[in-house]
Amino acid sequence: MHDLITLGEVLLRLAVPSPARFESARVLDVQIGGAEANVAAACARLGLRTAWISALPDNPWGERVRRELTGHGVDCAYVKILPGTRLGVYFLEYGVPPRPV
């Protein structure tokens, strides 16, 4: 029995270390993120029994997402693995005053 079950997409985030800009960056930070996965992980770390429902690609990125969330204590038994699919990606460049994130 779970205390919290979330349902949603996760994305791969590629971020430039602050205060660098994309045009001058030599490295990118790789993280996963998605509101529902983030909430499930945070609540699991607070001691709740959580599960996350979603679909992931059958590739190393999908495995990384599952491994990271499981490492936070999230039950990923309801995650469907789909061959031939991809993980969404977004890019983040942190702002420095007066630029916001």
N, C-alpha and C. Protein backbone atom coordinates (compact mmCIF):
# COMPACT_ATOMS: atom_id res chain seq x y z
N MET A 1 0.84 -1.18 0.00
CA MET A 1 0.00 0.00 0.00
C MET A 1 0.89 1.25 0.00
N HIS A 2 0.58 2.17 -0.85
CA HIS A 2 1.35 3.40 -0.96
C HIS A 2 0.62 4.55 -0.28
N ASP A 3 1.39 5.50 0.23
CA ASP A 3 0.82 6.73 0.77
C ASP A 3 0.54 7.73 -0.34
N LEU A 4 1.34 7.67 -1.41
CA LEU A 4 1.24 8.63 -2.51
C LEU A 4 1.64 7.96 -3.81
N ILE A 5 0.81 8.12 -4.83
CA ILE A 5 1.13 7.64 -6.18
C ILE A 5 1.03 8.83 -7.11
N THR A 6 2.08 9.06 -7.90
CA THR A 6 2.06 10.16 -8.86
C THR A 6 2.09 9.59 -10.28
N LEU A 7 1.62 10.38 -11.21
CA LEU A 7 1.55 9.98 -12.62
C LEU A 7 2.03 11.14 -13.46
N GLY A 8 3.07 10.93 -14.26
CA GLY A 8 3.54 12.02 -15.10
C GLY A 8 4.83 11.71 -15.83
N GLU A 9 5.22 12.67 -16.65
CA GLU A 9 6.40 12.54 -17.50
C GLU A 9 7.65 13.05 -16.78
N VAL A 10 8.78 12.50 -17.16
CA VAL A 10 10.06 13.00 -16.68
C VAL A 10 10.87 13.43 -17.90
N LEU A 11 11.70 14.44 -17.70
CA LEU A 11 12.53 14.97 -18.78
C LEU A 11 13.99 14.95 -18.37
N LEU A 12 14.85 14.91 -19.34
CA LEU A 12 16.29 15.02 -19.13
C LEU A 12 16.65 16.49 -19.22
N ARG A 13 17.30 17.01 -18.17
CA ARG A 13 17.67 18.43 -18.16
C ARG A 13 19.17 18.57 -18.36
N LEU A 14 19.54 19.35 -19.35
CA LEU A 14 20.94 19.67 -19.61
C LEU A 14 21.12 21.14 -19.26
N ALA A 15 21.90 21.41 -18.21
CA ALA A 15 22.05 22.77 -17.71
C ALA A 15 23.50 23.22 -17.78
N VAL A 16 23.66 24.48 -18.10
CA VAL A 16 24.98 25.10 -18.10
C VAL A 16 25.32 25.46 -16.65
N PRO A 17 26.49 25.08 -16.14
CA PRO A 17 26.85 25.50 -14.79
C PRO A 17 26.88 27.03 -14.71
N SER A 18 26.26 27.57 -13.69
CA SER A 18 26.18 29.02 -13.52
C SER A 18 27.56 29.58 -13.21
N PRO A 19 27.94 30.71 -13.70
CA PRO A 19 27.20 31.68 -14.51
C PRO A 19 27.48 31.57 -16.01
N ALA A 20 27.94 30.42 -16.47
CA ALA A 20 28.29 30.26 -17.89
C ALA A 20 27.06 30.41 -18.79
N ARG A 21 27.32 30.60 -20.06
CA ARG A 21 26.27 30.69 -21.08
C ARG A 21 26.47 29.52 -22.04
N PHE A 22 25.42 29.14 -22.74
CA PHE A 22 25.52 28.02 -23.67
C PHE A 22 26.61 28.22 -24.71
N GLU A 23 26.73 29.44 -25.21
CA GLU A 23 27.70 29.67 -26.29
C GLU A 23 29.15 29.52 -25.84
N SER A 24 29.40 29.55 -24.52
CA SER A 24 30.78 29.41 -24.03
C SER A 24 30.98 28.17 -23.15
N ALA A 25 29.92 27.41 -22.90
CA ALA A 25 30.01 26.26 -22.00
C ALA A 25 30.80 25.11 -22.61
N ARG A 26 31.60 24.46 -21.77
CA ARG A 26 32.35 23.29 -22.22
C ARG A 26 31.77 22.01 -21.62
N VAL A 27 30.97 22.16 -20.57
CA VAL A 27 30.33 21.01 -19.93
C VAL A 27 28.86 21.35 -19.64
N LEU A 28 28.06 20.32 -19.49
CA LEU A 28 26.66 20.48 -19.11
C LEU A 28 26.37 19.57 -17.93
N ASP A 29 25.56 20.04 -16.99
CA ASP A 29 25.09 19.20 -15.90
C ASP A 29 23.89 18.41 -16.41
N VAL A 30 23.86 17.11 -16.13
CA VAL A 30 22.77 16.24 -16.56
C VAL A 30 21.95 15.85 -15.35
N GLN A 31 20.65 16.17 -15.39
CA GLN A 31 19.75 15.82 -14.29
C GLN A 31 18.42 15.38 -14.88
N ILE A 32 17.64 14.69 -14.08
CA ILE A 32 16.29 14.36 -14.50
C ILE A 32 15.33 15.23 -13.71
N GLY A 33 14.19 15.50 -14.28
CA GLY A 33 13.21 16.31 -13.59
C GLY A 33 11.83 16.15 -14.18
N GLY A 34 10.87 16.36 -13.37
CA GLY A 34 9.46 16.30 -13.73
C GLY A 34 8.70 16.45 -12.43
N ALA A 35 7.69 17.28 -12.42
CA ALA A 35 7.00 17.61 -11.17
C ALA A 35 6.56 16.37 -10.39
N GLU A 36 5.94 15.44 -11.08
CA GLU A 36 5.40 14.26 -10.38
C GLU A 36 6.51 13.37 -9.84
N ALA A 37 7.56 13.17 -10.61
CA ALA A 37 8.69 12.37 -10.13
C ALA A 37 9.39 13.07 -8.98
N ASN A 38 9.54 14.38 -9.08
CA ASN A 38 10.18 15.15 -8.01
C ASN A 38 9.39 15.04 -6.71
N VAL A 39 8.06 15.16 -6.80
CA VAL A 39 7.22 15.06 -5.60
C VAL A 39 7.33 13.65 -5.00
N ALA A 40 7.27 12.63 -5.85
CA ALA A 40 7.38 11.26 -5.35
C ALA A 40 8.71 11.04 -4.64
N ALA A 41 9.81 11.54 -5.23
CA ALA A 41 11.13 11.37 -4.62
C ALA A 41 11.23 12.13 -3.30
N ALA A 42 10.75 13.37 -3.28
CA ALA A 42 10.83 14.17 -2.05
C ALA A 42 10.02 13.53 -0.93
N CYS A 43 8.82 13.06 -1.25
CA CYS A 43 7.98 12.44 -0.23
C CYS A 43 8.57 11.11 0.25
N ALA A 44 9.19 10.37 -0.66
CA ALA A 44 9.84 9.11 -0.26
C ALA A 44 10.99 9.40 0.70
N ARG A 45 11.72 10.46 0.43
CA ARG A 45 12.84 10.81 1.32
C ARG A 45 12.35 11.28 2.69
N LEU A 46 11.10 11.74 2.74
CA LEU A 46 10.50 12.13 4.02
C LEU A 46 9.86 10.95 4.74
N GLY A 47 9.89 9.76 4.13
CA GLY A 47 9.40 8.57 4.80
C GLY A 47 8.08 8.02 4.28
N LEU A 48 7.46 8.66 3.30
CA LEU A 48 6.22 8.14 2.75
C LEU A 48 6.51 7.01 1.78
N ARG A 49 5.56 6.11 1.63
CA ARG A 49 5.67 5.03 0.64
C ARG A 49 5.09 5.58 -0.66
N THR A 50 5.95 5.81 -1.64
CA THR A 50 5.52 6.44 -2.88
C THR A 50 5.74 5.54 -4.09
N ALA A 51 4.93 5.79 -5.11
CA ALA A 51 5.09 5.12 -6.40
C ALA A 51 4.91 6.15 -7.50
N TRP A 52 5.51 5.88 -8.63
CA TRP A 52 5.43 6.78 -9.79
C TRP A 52 4.98 5.96 -10.98
N ILE A 53 3.98 6.44 -11.70
CA ILE A 53 3.45 5.77 -12.89
C ILE A 53 3.84 6.59 -14.10
N SER A 54 4.48 5.94 -15.07
CA SER A 54 4.89 6.64 -16.28
C SER A 54 5.33 5.62 -17.32
N ALA A 55 5.91 6.11 -18.39
CA ALA A 55 6.53 5.26 -19.41
C ALA A 55 7.92 5.81 -19.68
N LEU A 56 8.87 4.91 -19.90
CA LEU A 56 10.25 5.29 -20.17
C LEU A 56 10.76 4.55 -21.39
N PRO A 57 11.73 5.15 -22.08
CA PRO A 57 12.32 4.44 -23.22
C PRO A 57 13.18 3.26 -22.76
N ASP A 58 13.26 2.27 -23.61
CA ASP A 58 14.08 1.09 -23.33
C ASP A 58 15.51 1.38 -23.80
N ASN A 59 16.19 2.24 -23.04
CA ASN A 59 17.57 2.62 -23.37
C ASN A 59 18.27 3.07 -22.09
N PRO A 60 19.55 3.41 -22.16
CA PRO A 60 20.27 3.81 -20.94
C PRO A 60 19.66 5.01 -20.21
N TRP A 61 19.06 5.96 -20.94
CA TRP A 61 18.45 7.11 -20.26
C TRP A 61 17.24 6.68 -19.44
N GLY A 62 16.42 5.80 -20.01
CA GLY A 62 15.27 5.30 -19.26
C GLY A 62 15.71 4.54 -18.02
N GLU A 63 16.77 3.76 -18.16
CA GLU A 63 17.30 3.02 -17.01
C GLU A 63 17.86 3.97 -15.95
N ARG A 64 18.49 5.03 -16.38
CA ARG A 64 19.03 6.01 -15.42
C ARG A 64 17.91 6.65 -14.61
N VAL A 65 16.82 7.02 -15.28
CA VAL A 65 15.67 7.61 -14.57
C VAL A 65 15.15 6.64 -13.53
N ARG A 66 14.92 5.41 -13.94
CA ARG A 66 14.39 4.40 -13.02
C ARG A 66 15.35 4.19 -11.85
N ARG A 67 16.63 4.09 -12.13
CA ARG A 67 17.64 3.87 -11.09
C ARG A 67 17.68 5.04 -10.09
N GLU A 68 17.63 6.27 -10.60
CA GLU A 68 17.69 7.42 -9.70
C GLU A 68 16.46 7.50 -8.81
N LEU A 69 15.28 7.30 -9.39
CA LEU A 69 14.07 7.38 -8.58
C LEU A 69 14.00 6.24 -7.57
N THR A 70 14.37 5.05 -7.99
CA THR A 70 14.40 3.91 -7.07
C THR A 70 15.39 4.18 -5.93
N GLY A 71 16.50 4.82 -6.26
CA GLY A 71 17.49 5.18 -5.24
C GLY A 71 16.96 6.14 -4.19
N HIS A 72 15.95 6.91 -4.55
CA HIS A 72 15.31 7.82 -3.59
C HIS A 72 14.20 7.13 -2.81
N GLY A 73 13.92 5.88 -3.16
CA GLY A 73 12.88 5.13 -2.45
C GLY A 73 11.54 5.10 -3.16
N VAL A 74 11.49 5.53 -4.42
CA VAL A 74 10.23 5.54 -5.17
C VAL A 74 10.02 4.17 -5.82
N ASP A 75 8.83 3.62 -5.66
CA ASP A 75 8.47 2.35 -6.30
C ASP A 75 8.18 2.63 -7.78
N CYS A 76 8.97 2.04 -8.66
CA CYS A 76 8.81 2.24 -10.11
C CYS A 76 8.23 1.00 -10.78
N ALA A 77 7.55 0.15 -10.02
CA ALA A 77 6.99 -1.08 -10.57
C ALA A 77 5.92 -0.81 -11.62
N TYR A 78 5.30 0.36 -11.57
CA TYR A 78 4.22 0.69 -12.51
C TYR A 78 4.72 1.45 -13.74
N VAL A 79 6.02 1.58 -13.89
CA VAL A 79 6.60 2.27 -15.04
C VAL A 79 6.70 1.29 -16.20
N LYS A 80 6.14 1.69 -17.33
CA LYS A 80 6.17 0.84 -18.53
C LYS A 80 7.40 1.20 -19.36
N ILE A 81 8.14 0.20 -19.78
CA ILE A 81 9.33 0.39 -20.62
C ILE A 81 8.91 0.16 -22.07
N LEU A 82 9.14 1.18 -22.91
CA LEU A 82 8.71 1.13 -24.30
C LEU A 82 9.89 1.16 -25.26
N PRO A 83 10.08 0.11 -26.05
CA PRO A 83 11.16 0.11 -27.03
C PRO A 83 10.89 1.13 -28.14
N GLY A 84 11.96 1.68 -28.67
CA GLY A 84 11.84 2.60 -29.80
C GLY A 84 11.33 3.99 -29.45
N THR A 85 11.31 4.34 -28.17
CA THR A 85 10.86 5.67 -27.77
C THR A 85 12.03 6.47 -27.23
N ARG A 86 11.78 7.73 -26.96
CA ARG A 86 12.85 8.61 -26.47
C ARG A 86 12.40 9.38 -25.24
N LEU A 87 13.36 9.91 -24.53
CA LEU A 87 13.11 10.74 -23.37
C LEU A 87 13.16 12.20 -23.81
N GLY A 88 12.21 13.00 -23.33
CA GLY A 88 12.23 14.42 -23.65
C GLY A 88 13.44 15.10 -23.02
N VAL A 89 13.94 16.13 -23.68
CA VAL A 89 15.13 16.85 -23.23
C VAL A 89 14.83 18.34 -23.20
N TYR A 90 15.32 19.03 -22.17
CA TYR A 90 15.27 20.49 -22.20
C TYR A 90 16.59 21.05 -21.71
N PHE A 91 16.85 22.26 -22.13
CA PHE A 91 18.11 22.94 -21.82
C PHE A 91 17.83 24.08 -20.85
N LEU A 92 18.72 24.27 -19.87
CA LEU A 92 18.54 25.32 -18.88
C LEU A 92 19.81 26.14 -18.77
N GLU A 93 19.65 27.43 -18.88
CA GLU A 93 20.75 28.37 -18.67
C GLU A 93 20.32 29.28 -17.53
N TYR A 94 21.03 29.19 -16.41
CA TYR A 94 20.69 29.99 -15.25
C TYR A 94 20.98 31.46 -15.53
N GLY A 95 20.12 32.32 -15.05
CA GLY A 95 20.33 33.74 -15.24
C GLY A 95 21.17 34.33 -14.12
N VAL A 96 21.80 35.43 -14.42
CA VAL A 96 22.48 36.22 -13.40
C VAL A 96 21.85 37.59 -13.46
N PRO A 97 21.75 38.27 -12.35
CA PRO A 97 21.05 39.55 -12.36
C PRO A 97 21.54 40.45 -13.48
N PRO A 98 20.67 41.08 -14.19
CA PRO A 98 19.22 41.12 -13.98
C PRO A 98 18.45 40.04 -14.72
N ARG A 99 19.10 39.00 -15.27
CA ARG A 99 18.40 37.94 -15.99
C ARG A 99 17.84 36.91 -15.01
N PRO A 100 16.58 36.53 -15.13
CA PRO A 100 16.04 35.46 -14.29
C PRO A 100 16.43 34.11 -14.88
N VAL A 101 16.09 33.04 -14.18
CA VAL A 101 16.35 31.68 -14.68
C VAL A 101 15.54 31.47 -15.93
